[in-house]
Amino acid sequence: MLTIERIIHDAIVEHARRDHPDEACGVVAGAIGSDRPTRHVAMLNAAMSPTFYEFDSGDLLRLYREMDDRDEEPVVIYHSHTATEAYPSRTDVNLAGEPGAHYVLVSTRDGAHESGPVDFRSYRIVDGEVTEEEVRVVERYDDAAPEQRENA
């Protein structure tokens, strides 16, 4: 199950809406081994395409170096689908290179890019096998330190 704070969930949805009709993409980093997404990093879709996303290689290298410096890992890797459901395509499955990550897809089809609910789903993708998992959106993580609650 993916547990994610509402503020991060909403930031992902906003990014998907903002970049529509192109696919949006990004990462939510978290402390190594925590399985807790805490730092949203919206990335540029270098492909600038409504049917494909690609992280800019330089931006991705900088992000991984930054995560390494902060003892973080990619907990969530997300992108949007602009005209199809929020389910991984064959290309998405082939590009899934982080077996420990939650792969989130947001569909902005049928006017969801303007308002209303979006299809927000999470998957584990390991060795080409796709497994959908429950998404639990919380206001705040229960055991967050007081200073984290104030700054969230």
Foldseek 3Di string as FASTA:
>chain_A
DQEAAPVQVVVQLLQCLVLPVAKWWWFFKDAPPPLYRDRTDTFDQPVSHNADGDGDPVVVVVVVVVCVVVNIDGQEIEMEHEADAFDDDQVNLVPPDDQNHKYWYWYCYPPVSPDDDIRIWTWGRDPSDTDTDDYHYHNDPPPDDPVSVVVD
